[in-house]
Amino acid sequence: MTRLSFLIRREWLSLIFGAVLVLLVLSLLAAPLGPKDLLALRRHSSELESRRANLAAENDTFRTNVQKLRSDDRYQQRLIRRELGYARPNELVYKFAGDSDDSSH
């Protein structure tokens, strides 16, 4: 017992420092803003970045379609025929049993 008390008296500063260090590490690992949440935030950030890239590509597609609708008459005609089922005068439109109006949407 005396040996233990001698060791404690001699190394008290190191023991306190070690205990504080252990508590700090435990707090870091279990804290709400610890490495676990950092990894979750990085994963969420990468998901948002990929979603942003997909939306930017979709936006470019929409922008191209709007430009075609404003300037390309043939594109407008194709779209009107496909979406609305219109036909030119004296033109025959064949509809088959497997075709449905909702298949193009």
Protein backbone atom coordinates (compact mmCIF):
# COMPACT_ATOMS: atom_id res chain seq x y z
CA MET A 1 0.00 0.00 0.00
CA THR A 2 2.81 2.40 0.79
CA ARG A 3 4.35 1.67 -2.55
CA LEU A 4 1.10 2.64 -4.30
CA SER A 5 0.78 5.86 -2.33
CA PHE A 6 4.43 6.66 -3.09
CA LEU A 7 3.79 6.07 -6.80
CA ILE A 8 0.68 8.24 -6.73
CA ARG A 9 2.52 11.07 -4.96
CA ARG A 10 5.37 10.87 -7.45
CA GLU A 11 3.28 10.62 -10.63
CA TRP A 12 0.16 12.60 -9.68
CA LEU A 13 0.60 15.13 -12.48
CA SER A 14 1.03 12.41 -15.11
CA LEU A 15 -2.04 10.55 -13.79
CA ILE A 16 -4.18 13.68 -13.93
CA PHE A 17 -2.93 14.46 -17.42
CA GLY A 18 -3.64 10.87 -18.53
CA ALA A 19 -7.14 10.94 -17.04
CA VAL A 20 -7.90 14.25 -18.73
CA LEU A 21 -6.57 12.88 -22.01
CA VAL A 22 -8.73 9.74 -21.73
CA LEU A 23 -11.81 11.85 -20.94
CA LEU A 24 -11.04 14.12 -23.88
CA VAL A 25 -10.74 11.19 -26.28
CA LEU A 26 -13.98 9.64 -24.98
CA SER A 27 -15.73 12.98 -25.30
CA LEU A 28 -14.43 13.39 -28.84
CA LEU A 29 -15.67 9.95 -29.91
CA ALA A 30 -19.07 10.19 -28.23
CA ALA A 31 -19.78 13.89 -28.71
CA PRO A 32 -22.52 15.08 -31.08
CA LEU A 33 -19.94 16.82 -33.26
CA GLY A 34 -17.45 13.97 -33.28
CA PRO A 35 -15.92 11.94 -36.10
CA LYS A 36 -19.08 9.88 -36.49
CA ASP A 37 -21.06 12.97 -37.42
CA LEU A 38 -18.23 14.26 -39.58
CA LEU A 39 -18.42 11.09 -41.68
CA ALA A 40 -22.20 11.38 -41.89
CA LEU A 41 -21.91 15.01 -43.02
CA ARG A 42 -19.32 14.11 -45.66
CA ARG A 43 -21.57 11.33 -46.97
CA HIS A 44 -24.54 13.69 -47.05
CA SER A 45 -22.42 16.32 -48.80
CA SER A 46 -21.38 13.87 -51.52
CA GLU A 47 -25.02 12.80 -51.98
CA LEU A 48 -26.06 16.43 -52.33
CA GLU A 49 -23.24 17.07 -54.80
CA SER A 50 -24.32 14.15 -57.00
CA ARG A 51 -27.94 15.31 -56.79
CA ARG A 52 -26.83 18.82 -57.79
CA ALA A 53 -24.95 17.41 -60.78
CA ASN A 54 -28.01 15.39 -61.85
CA LEU A 55 -30.25 18.43 -61.53
CA ALA A 56 -27.78 20.56 -63.50
CA ALA A 57 -27.79 17.96 -66.30
CA GLU A 58 -31.58 17.83 -66.24
CA ASN A 59 -31.68 21.64 -66.32
CA ASP A 60 -29.42 21.64 -69.39
CA THR A 61 -31.76 19.16 -71.08
CA PHE A 62 -34.76 21.36 -70.31
CA ARG A 63 -32.91 24.42 -71.56
CA THR A 64 -32.11 22.61 -74.83
CA ASN A 65 -35.73 21.53 -75.22
CA VAL A 66 -36.96 25.07 -74.63
CA GLN A 67 -34.51 26.38 -77.22
CA LYS A 68 -35.74 23.77 -79.71
CA LEU A 69 -39.37 24.66 -79.00
CA ARG A 70 -38.62 28.32 -79.70
CA SER A 71 -36.64 27.81 -82.89
CA ASP A 72 -37.10 24.34 -84.46
CA ASP A 73 -40.40 23.90 -86.30
CA ARG A 74 -39.77 20.22 -87.08
CA TYR A 75 -39.19 19.49 -83.40
CA GLN A 76 -42.45 21.29 -82.54
CA GLN A 77 -44.34 19.25 -85.12
CA ARG A 78 -42.90 15.95 -83.87
CA LEU A 79 -43.73 16.87 -80.30
CA ILE A 80 -47.29 17.91 -81.16
CA ARG A 81 -47.85 14.70 -83.08
CA ARG A 82 -46.43 12.50 -80.33
CA GLU A 83 -47.95 14.25 -77.31
CA LEU A 84 -51.30 15.36 -78.71
CA GLY A 85 -51.86 12.79 -81.45
CA TYR A 86 -52.28 15.37 -84.22
CA ALA A 87 -51.84 14.49 -87.88
CA ARG A 88 -51.38 16.47 -91.09
CA PRO A 89 -54.26 16.82 -93.53
CA ASN A 90 -54.72 13.70 -95.69
CA GLU A 91 -52.41 11.71 -93.41
CA LEU A 92 -53.44 8.32 -92.02
CA VAL A 93 -52.59 7.47 -88.43
CA TYR A 94 -52.47 3.78 -87.54
CA LYS A 95 -53.06 2.79 -83.94
CA PHE A 96 -52.31 -0.74 -82.84
CA ALA A 97 -53.77 -2.67 -79.93
CA GLY A 98 -50.53 -2.47 -77.93
CA ASP A 99 -50.26 1.32 -78.31
CA SER A 100 -51.62 3.54 -75.58
CA ASP A 101 -51.75 7.31 -75.27
CA ASP A 102 -50.02 7.21 -71.88
CA SER A 103 -46.94 5.31 -73.12
CA SER A 104 -45.19 8.46 -74.35
CA HIS A 105 -45.50 10.26 -70.98
